[in-house]
C-alpha atoms as a PDB file:
ATOM      1  CA  MET A   1      66.742  58.562-214.187  1.00  0.00           C
ATOM      2  CA  GLY A   2      64.044  61.041-212.913  1.00  0.00           C
ATOM      3  CA  VAL A   3      62.636  62.624-216.051  1.00  0.00           C
ATOM      4  CA  LYS A   4      61.545  66.156-215.406  1.00  0.00           C
ATOM      5  CA  GLN A   5      58.377  67.487-216.975  1.00  0.00           C
ATOM      6  CA  ASP A   6      59.056  69.824-219.804  1.00  0.00           C
ATOM      7  CA  LEU A   7      56.481  72.497-219.407  1.00  0.00           C
ATOM      8  CA  SER A   8      56.688  73.470-223.013  1.00  0.00           C
ATOM      9  CA  GLN A   9      55.244  70.125-224.030  1.00  0.00           C
ATOM     10  CA  PRO A  10      51.985  68.619-223.060  1.00  0.00           C
ATOM     11  CA  PRO A  11      52.335  65.524-220.653  1.00  0.00           C
ATOM     12  CA  MET A  12      52.515  62.249-222.573  1.00  0.00           C
ATOM     13  CA  ILE A  13      49.687  60.982-220.575  1.00  0.00           C
ATOM     14  CA  ARG A  14      47.190  62.989-218.580  1.00  0.00           C
ATOM     15  CA  LEU A  15      44.400  61.342-216.535  1.00  0.00           C
ATOM     16  CA  ASP A  16      41.670  63.540-215.115  1.00  0.00           C
ATOM     17  CA  LYS A  17      39.236  62.197-212.621  1.00  0.00           C
ATOM     18  CA  LEU A  18      39.255  58.761-214.212  1.00  0.00           C
ATOM     19  CA  VAL A  19      36.403  56.421-213.047  1.00  0.00           C
ATOM     20  CA  LYS A  20      35.803  52.820-214.201  1.00  0.00           C
ATOM     21  CA  ILE A  21      32.833  50.795-212.960  1.00  0.00           C
ATOM     22  CA  TYR A  22      31.941  47.361-214.189  1.00  0.00           C
ATOM     23  CA  GLN A  23      28.507  45.807-213.822  1.00  0.00           C
ATOM     24  CA  GLU A  24      28.579  42.215-212.412  1.00  0.00           C
ATOM     25  CA  GLY A  25      24.972  41.126-212.690  1.00  0.00           C
ATOM     26  CA  THR A  26      22.945  43.490-210.343  1.00  0.00           C
ATOM     27  CA  ARG A  27      26.134  44.742-208.631  1.00  0.00           C
ATOM     28  CA  SER A  28      28.627  47.368-209.613  1.00  0.00           C
ATOM     29  CA  HIS A  29      32.301  47.042-209.068  1.00  0.00           C
ATOM     30  CA  THR A  30      34.345  50.123-208.973  1.00  0.00           C
ATOM     31  CA  VAL A  31      37.952  49.357-210.469  1.00  0.00           C
ATOM     32  CA  LEU A  32      39.290  52.971-210.625  1.00  0.00           C
ATOM     33  CA  GLU A  33      38.012  55.871-208.606  1.00  0.00           C
ATOM     34  CA  GLU A  34      38.625  59.534-209.453  1.00  0.00           C
ATOM     35  CA  VAL A  35      42.274  58.848-210.721  1.00  0.00           C
ATOM     36  CA  SER A  36      44.252  61.803-211.799  1.00  0.00           C
ATOM     37  CA  ALA A  37      47.827  61.914-212.862  1.00  0.00           C
ATOM     38  CA  GLU A  38      50.347  63.232-215.430  1.00  0.00           C
ATOM     39  CA  PHE A  39      53.284  61.310-216.909  1.00  0.00           C
ATOM     40  CA  ALA A  40      56.068  63.160-218.799  1.00  0.00           C
ATOM     41  CA  PRO A  41      57.415  62.435-222.329  1.00  0.00           C
ATOM     42  CA  GLY A  42      60.148  59.958-222.094  1.00  0.00           C
ATOM     43  CA  GLU A  43      59.181  58.751-218.699  1.00  0.00           C
ATOM     44  CA  PHE A  44      59.125  55.141-217.512  1.00  0.00           C
ATOM     45  CA  VAL A  45      56.292  54.554-215.250  1.00  0.00           C
ATOM     46  CA  VAL A  46      55.626  51.241-213.445  1.00  0.00           C
ATOM     47  CA  LEU A  47      52.127  50.307-211.991  1.00  0.00           C
ATOM     48  CA  LEU A  48      52.015  47.730-209.161  1.00  0.00           C
ATOM     49  CA  GLY A  49      48.987  46.139-207.605  1.00  0.00           C
ATOM     50  CA  LYS A  50      47.136  42.857-206.967  1.00  0.00           C
ATOM     51  CA  SER A  51      45.486  40.894-209.669  1.00  0.00           C
ATOM     52  CA  GLY A  52      42.278  42.612-210.403  1.00  0.00           C
ATOM     53  CA  SER A  53      43.335  45.812-208.953  1.00  0.00           C
ATOM     54  CA  GLY A  54      42.936  47.763-212.137  1.00  0.00           C
ATOM     55  CA  LYS A  55      46.541  47.825-213.555  1.00  0.00           C
ATOM     56  CA  SER A  56      45.502  46.294-216.935  1.00  0.00           C
ATOM     57  CA  THR A  57      42.292  48.251-216.956  1.00  0.00           C
ATOM     58  CA  LEU A  58      44.182  51.473-216.817  1.00  0.00           C
ATOM     59  CA  LEU A  59      46.468  50.478-219.732  1.00  0.00           C
ATOM     60  CA  ASN A  60      43.318  49.654-221.719  1.00  0.00           C
ATOM     61  CA  LEU A  61      41.900  52.907-220.981  1.00  0.00           C
ATOM     62  CA  VAL A  62      45.014  54.835-221.994  1.00  0.00           C
ATOM     63  CA  SER A  63      45.103  52.961-225.233  1.00  0.00           C
ATOM     64  CA  GLY A  64      41.474  53.666-226.014  1.00  0.00           C
ATOM     65  CA  ILE A  65      40.617  49.872-226.192  1.00  0.00           C
ATOM     66  CA  ASP A  66      38.224  50.476-223.263  1.00  0.00           C
ATOM     67  CA  ALA A  67      36.333  53.534-222.250  1.00  0.00           C
ATOM     68  CA  PRO A  68      35.990  55.081-218.718  1.00  0.00           C
ATOM     69  CA  THR A  69      32.824  55.351-217.016  1.00  0.00           C
ATOM     70  CA  ARG A  70      33.728  59.009-216.352  1.00  0.00           C
ATOM     71  CA  GLY A  71      36.779  61.241-216.651  1.00  0.00           C
ATOM     72  CA  ASP A  72      39.105  62.175-219.495  1.00  0.00           C
ATOM     73  CA  ILE A  73      42.508  60.929-220.883  1.00  0.00           C
ATOM     74  CA  TRP A  74      44.857  62.624-223.100  1.00  0.00           C
ATOM     75  CA  VAL A  75      47.871  61.182-224.824  1.00  0.00           C
ATOM     76  CA  ASN A  76      50.371  63.666-226.235  1.00  0.00           C
ATOM     77  CA  GLY A  77      47.666  66.253-225.925  1.00  0.00           C
ATOM     78  CA  ALA A  78      45.036  64.212-227.848  1.00  0.00           C
ATOM     79  CA  PRO A  79      41.737  63.676-226.126  1.00  0.00           C
ATOM     80  CA  ILE A  80      41.428  59.889-226.335  1.00  0.00           C
ATOM     81  CA  THR A  81      38.120  59.836-224.409  1.00  0.00           C
ATOM     82  CA  ARG A  82      36.521  62.184-226.914  1.00  0.00           C
ATOM     83  CA  MET A  83      37.422  60.332-230.013  1.00  0.00           C
ATOM     84  CA  SER A  84      35.220  57.882-231.945  1.00  0.00           C
ATOM     85  CA  GLU A  85      36.026  54.149-231.866  1.00  0.00           C
ATOM     86  CA  ARG A  86      37.623  54.487-235.404  1.00  0.00           C
ATOM     87  CA  GLU A  87      39.615  57.534-234.531  1.00  0.00           C
ATOM     88  CA  ARG A  88      40.981  55.735-231.378  1.00  0.00           C
ATOM     89  CA  THR A  89      41.930  52.789-233.534  1.00  0.00           C
ATOM     90  CA  LEU A  90      43.859  54.965-235.963  1.00  0.00           C
ATOM     91  CA  PHE A  91      45.517  56.804-233.101  1.00  0.00           C
ATOM     92  CA  ARG A  92      46.652  53.499-231.512  1.00  0.00           C
ATOM     93  CA  ARG A  93      47.963  52.365-234.998  1.00  0.00           C
ATOM     94  CA  GLN A  94      50.167  55.494-235.131  1.00  0.00           C
ATOM     95  CA  TYR A  95      51.251  56.454-231.709  1.00  0.00           C
ATOM     96  CA  ILE A  96      51.017  53.477-229.336  1.00  0.00           C
ATOM     97  CA  GLY A  97      52.967  50.119-229.227  1.00  0.00           C
ATOM     98  CA  PHE A  98      52.026  47.149-227.047  1.00  0.00           C
ATOM     99  CA  VAL A  99      53.963  44.401-225.253  1.00  0.00           C
ATOM    100  CA  PHE A 100      51.786  41.631-223.684  1.00  0.00           C
ATOM    101  CA  GLN A 101      52.311  38.950-221.232  1.00  0.00           C
ATOM    102  CA  PHE A 102      51.608  36.204-223.748  1.00  0.00           C
ATOM    103  CA  PHE A 103      53.431  37.895-226.577  1.00  0.00           C
ATOM    104  CA  ASN A 104      50.344  37.867-228.844  1.00  0.00           C
ATOM    105  CA  LEU A 105      52.325  37.127-232.085  1.00  0.00           C
ATOM    106  CA  ILE A 106      50.356  35.925-235.071  1.00  0.00           C
ATOM    107  CA  PRO A 107      51.276  32.232-235.388  1.00  0.00           C
ATOM    108  CA  THR A 108      50.853  32.160-239.177  1.00  0.00           C
ATOM    109  CA  LEU A 109      53.330  34.997-239.707  1.00  0.00           C
ATOM    110  CA  THR A 110      57.064  34.859-239.635  1.00  0.00           C
ATOM    111  CA  VAL A 111      59.097  36.902-237.162  1.00  0.00           C
ATOM    112  CA  ALA A 112      59.917  39.434-239.829  1.00  0.00           C
ATOM    113  CA  GLU A 113      56.092  39.676-240.882  1.00  0.00           C
ATOM    114  CA  ASN A 114      54.893  39.996-237.189  1.00  0.00           C
ATOM    115  CA  VAL A 115      57.300  42.868-236.740  1.00  0.00           C
ATOM    116  CA  LEU A 116      56.494  44.543-239.977  1.00  0.00           C
ATOM    117  CA  LEU A 117      52.787  44.304-239.589  1.00  0.00           C
ATOM    118  CA  PRO A 118      52.257  47.612-237.638  1.00  0.00           C
ATOM    119  CA  VAL A 119      54.573  49.271-240.135  1.00  0.00           C
ATOM    120  CA  GLU A 120      52.489  48.116-242.957  1.00  0.00           C
ATOM    121  CA  LEU A 121      49.237  49.267-241.145  1.00  0.00           C
ATOM    122  CA  ALA A 122      50.733  52.667-240.500  1.00  0.00           C
ATOM    123  CA  GLY A 123      51.896  53.070-244.114  1.00  0.00           C
ATOM    124  CA  LEU A 124      55.378  53.859-243.204  1.00  0.00           C
ATOM    125  CA  GLY A 125      57.010  52.371-246.392  1.00  0.00           C
ATOM    126  CA  GLN A 126      60.532  51.273-246.907  1.00  0.00           C
ATOM    127  CA  ALA A 127      61.927  53.454-243.958  1.00  0.00           C
ATOM    128  CA  GLY A 128      59.616  51.699-241.666  1.00  0.00           C
ATOM    129  CA  ARG A 129      60.563  48.277-242.931  1.00  0.00           C
ATOM    130  CA  GLU A 130      64.282  49.085-242.427  1.00  0.00           C
ATOM    131  CA  ARG A 131      63.508  50.218-238.955  1.00  0.00           C
ATOM    132  CA  GLY A 132      61.713  46.954-238.017  1.00  0.00           C
ATOM    133  CA  LEU A 133      64.389  44.779-239.417  1.00  0.00           C
ATOM    134  CA  HIS A 134      67.044  46.803-237.562  1.00  0.00           C
ATOM    135  CA  LEU A 135      65.154  46.403-234.415  1.00  0.00           C
ATOM    136  CA  LEU A 136      65.186  42.553-234.982  1.00  0.00           C
ATOM    137  CA  GLU A 137      68.985  42.845-235.217  1.00  0.00           C
ATOM    138  CA  ARG A 138      69.029  44.806-231.983  1.00  0.00           C
ATOM    139  CA  VAL A 139      66.962  42.231-230.033  1.00  0.00           C
ATOM    140  CA  GLY A 140      69.432  39.460-231.397  1.00  0.00           C
ATOM    141  CA  LEU A 141      66.952  37.831-233.861  1.00  0.00           C
ATOM    142  CA  GLY A 142      68.266  39.091-237.241  1.00  0.00           C
ATOM    143  CA  ASP A 143      69.050  35.504-238.184  1.00  0.00           C
ATOM    144  CA  ARG A 144      65.430  34.332-237.441  1.00  0.00           C
ATOM    145  CA  LEU A 145      63.457  36.435-239.849  1.00  0.00           C
ATOM    146  CA  GLN A 146      61.711  33.551-241.656  1.00  0.00           C
ATOM    147  CA  THR A 147      61.100  31.463-238.424  1.00  0.00           C
ATOM    148  CA  PHE A 148      57.496  31.095-237.087  1.00  0.00           C
ATOM    149  CA  PRO A 149      56.757  32.051-233.484  1.00  0.00           C
ATOM    150  CA  ASP A 150      56.151  28.328-232.406  1.00  0.00           C
ATOM    151  CA  ARG A 151      59.862  27.655-233.154  1.00  0.00           C
ATOM    152  CA  LEU A 152      60.932  30.319-230.614  1.00  0.00           C
ATOM    153  CA  SER A 153      61.573  30.234-226.901  1.00  0.00           C
ATOM    154  CA  GLY A 154      59.197  32.413-224.601  1.00  0.00           C
ATOM    155  CA  GLY A 155      62.131  34.911-224.294  1.00  0.00           C
ATOM    156  CA  GLU A 156      62.701  35.037-228.045  1.00  0.00           C
ATOM    157  CA  GLN A 157      59.047  35.603-228.660  1.00  0.00           C
ATOM    158  CA  GLN A 158      58.893  38.476-226.165  1.00  0.00           C
ATOM    159  CA  ARG A 159      61.894  40.089-227.961  1.00  0.00           C
ATOM    160  CA  VAL A 160      59.989  39.854-231.165  1.00  0.00           C
ATOM    161  CA  ALA A 161      57.137  41.476-229.475  1.00  0.00           C
ATOM    162  CA  ILE A 162      59.367  44.260-228.219  1.00  0.00           C
ATOM    163  CA  ALA A 163      60.637  44.872-231.664  1.00  0.00           C
ATOM    164  CA  ARG A 164      57.020  44.884-233.087  1.00  0.00           C
ATOM    165  CA  ALA A 165      55.960  47.458-230.384  1.00  0.00           C
ATOM    166  CA  LEU A 166      58.721  49.816-231.493  1.00  0.00           C
ATOM    167  CA  ALA A 167      58.805  49.235-235.179  1.00  0.00           C
ATOM    168  CA  HIS A 168      56.319  51.892-236.292  1.00  0.00           C
ATOM    169  CA  ASN A 169      58.106  54.480-234.058  1.00  0.00           C
ATOM    170  CA  PRO A 170      55.332  55.069-231.515  1.00  0.00           C
ATOM    171  CA  LEU A 171      55.274  57.845-228.882  1.00  0.00           C
ATOM    172  CA  LEU A 172      54.178  55.573-226.139  1.00  0.00           C
ATOM    173  CA  ILE A 173      54.748  51.867-225.215  1.00  0.00           C
ATOM    174  CA  LEU A 174      52.159  49.998-222.971  1.00  0.00           C
ATOM    175  CA  ALA A 175      53.589  46.834-221.511  1.00  0.00           C
ATOM    176  CA  ASP A 176      51.121  44.568-219.430  1.00  0.00           C
ATOM    177  CA  GLU A 177      53.107  42.009-217.414  1.00  0.00           C
ATOM    178  CA  PRO A 178      55.764  41.603-220.101  1.00  0.00           C
ATOM    179  CA  THR A 179      57.782  39.178-217.971  1.00  0.00           C
ATOM    180  CA  GLY A 180      54.834  37.336-216.386  1.00  0.00           C
ATOM    181  CA  ASN A 181      55.224  34.267-218.633  1.00  0.00           C
ATOM    182  CA  LEU A 182      59.048  34.071-218.477  1.00  0.00           C
ATOM    183  CA  ASP A 183      61.499  32.519-216.073  1.00  0.00           C
ATOM    184  CA  GLU A 184      63.376  34.944-213.680  1.00  0.00           C
ATOM    185  CA  ASP A 185      66.576  35.273-215.755  1.00  0.00           C
ATOM    186  CA  THR A 186      64.884  35.521-219.051  1.00  0.00           C
ATOM    187  CA  GLY A 187      62.451  38.123-217.629  1.00  0.00           C
ATOM    188  CA  ARG A 188      65.520  40.171-216.279  1.00  0.00           C
ATOM    189  CA  GLN A 189      67.008  40.174-219.703  1.00  0.00           C
ATOM    190  CA  VAL A 190      63.747  41.240-221.466  1.00  0.00           C
ATOM    191  CA  LEU A 191      63.273  44.079-219.006  1.00  0.00           C
ATOM    192  CA  ALA A 192      66.767  45.476-219.575  1.00  0.00           C
ATOM    193  CA  LEU A 193      66.217  45.218-223.276  1.00  0.00           C
ATOM    194  CA  LEU A 194      62.826  46.964-223.138  1.00  0.00           C
ATOM    195  CA  ASP A 195      64.297  49.741-220.896  1.00  0.00           C
ATOM    196  CA  GLU A 196      67.296  50.228-223.074  1.00  0.00           C
ATOM    197  CA  LEU A 197      65.435  50.320-226.456  1.00  0.00           C
ATOM    198  CA  THR A 198      62.845  52.770-225.252  1.00  0.00           C
ATOM    199  CA  ARG A 199      65.161  55.100-223.354  1.00  0.00           C
ATOM    200  CA  GLU A 200      67.648  55.463-226.308  1.00  0.00           C
ATOM    201  CA  VAL A 201      65.024  56.898-228.533  1.00  0.00           C
ATOM    202  CA  GLY A 202      63.121  58.844-225.868  1.00  0.00           C
ATOM    203  CA  LYS A 203      59.863  56.825-225.868  1.00  0.00           C
ATOM    204  CA  SER A 204      57.472  56.882-222.891  1.00  0.00           C
ATOM    205  CA  LEU A 205      56.789  53.431-221.238  1.00  0.00           C
ATOM    206  CA  LEU A 206      53.943  52.577-219.003  1.00  0.00           C
ATOM    207  CA  MET A 207      54.157  49.094-217.572  1.00  0.00           C
ATOM    208  CA  ALA A 208      51.898  47.028-215.290  1.00  0.00           C
ATOM    209  CA  THR A 209      54.009  44.368-213.588  1.00  0.00           C
ATOM    210  CA  HIS A 210      54.722  42.244-210.488  1.00  0.00           C
ATOM    211  CA  SER A 211      58.392  42.121-211.177  1.00  0.00           C
ATOM    212  CA  SER A 212      60.701  43.479-208.503  1.00  0.00           C
ATOM    213  CA  GLU A 213      63.442  43.839-211.149  1.00  0.00           C
ATOM    214  CA  VAL A 214      61.718  46.717-212.801  1.00  0.00           C
ATOM    215  CA  VAL A 215      61.282  48.919-209.883  1.00  0.00           C
ATOM    216  CA  GLY A 216      64.971  50.044-209.882  1.00  0.00           C
ATOM    217  CA  LEU A 217      64.710  50.879-213.649  1.00  0.00           C
ATOM    218  CA  ALA A 218      61.677  53.122-213.358  1.00  0.00           C
ATOM    219  CA  ASP A 219      61.457  56.926-213.071  1.00  0.00           C
ATOM    220  CA  ARG A 220      58.243  56.589-211.084  1.00  0.00           C
ATOM    221  CA  VAL A 221      56.396  53.761-209.329  1.00  0.00           C
ATOM    222  CA  TYR A 222      52.683  53.646-208.580  1.00  0.00           C
ATOM    223  CA  ARG A 223      50.484  51.272-206.770  1.00  0.00           C
ATOM    224  CA  VAL A 224      46.916  50.645-207.770  1.00  0.00           C
ATOM    225  CA  ARG A 225      45.029  50.073-204.557  1.00  0.00           C
ATOM    226  CA  HIS A 226      41.252  50.374-203.760  1.00  0.00           C
ATOM    227  CA  GLY A 227      40.695  52.217-207.029  1.00  0.00           C
ATOM    228  CA  LYS A 228      43.387  54.858-206.321  1.00  0.00           C
ATOM    229  CA  LEU A 229      46.718  55.540-207.860  1.00  0.00           C
ATOM    230  CA  ILE A 230      49.322  55.901-205.144  1.00  0.00           C
ATOM    231  CA  GLN A 231      52.876  57.019-205.862  1.00  0.00           C
ATOM    232  CA  GLU A 232      55.777  55.192-204.229  1.00  0.00           C
ATOM    233  CA  ALA A 233      59.495  55.853-204.125  1.00  0.00           C
ATOM    234  CA  ALA A 234      61.173  54.294-207.243  1.00  0.00           C
ATOM    235  CA  GLU A 235      63.621  52.703-204.852  1.00  0.00           C
ATOM    236  CA  PHE A 236      60.796  50.841-203.052  1.00  0.00           C
ATOM    237  CA  HIS A 237      61.794  47.191-202.792  1.00  0.00           C
ATOM    238  CA  GLY A 238      59.059  45.853-200.502  1.00  0.00           C
ATOM    239  CA  GLU A 239      56.566  43.145-201.207  1.00  0.00           C
ATOM    240  CA  LEU A 240      55.542  43.367-204.915  1.00  0.00           C
ATOM    241  CA  GLY A 241      53.369  40.129-205.141  1.00  0.00           C
ATOM    242  CA  ASP A 242      50.330  41.882-203.730  1.00  0.00           C
END
């Protein structure tokens, strides 16, 4: 563990004085305030914090789904906050994979079709298709290719989501409470699988979670509190439910 920054490469993620303010009627609510940080390529970083603390907001900002009120974000040296909406969409399609709490599989597509969708969108051809199908074998669902999501358990759906997130060979995986809708044992298995599959191919993983299981797997752990990003020891095993 403990990925060291390679100074010959840009950080995978760089946050510079990031501010996010939401308007709630006539009031403003500051979710993130002057957040600055750098995460190395291949690093597994965990974000902890209360519901509404800004963990998911930070993931949405890094992906370019949302825009900060002020500040800048770079992903692999690319200035996300200086791109147009179309440029951000194309960047996500090529370089970022997502794993969500509620899986977000398309119910009218089969397991194979869900996993291969980002491959098709990225125009990766036969090599990409082979990679996607190989990942389904790796997550133990190679015999369920033609199954629809509603025929799968929650754990199986999340394993499909992990394969989908990695199928187009992105640089960065963003995971938002990936075990939040699973029982404890299944959640532990999903976390181990996500950690294994991302590390073996050197992907960066940024995860927002309440799970105590993930803390011991991470290279770095941060807590989002009062709009700030506070680094904690990766060995921290205190109260995670706040």
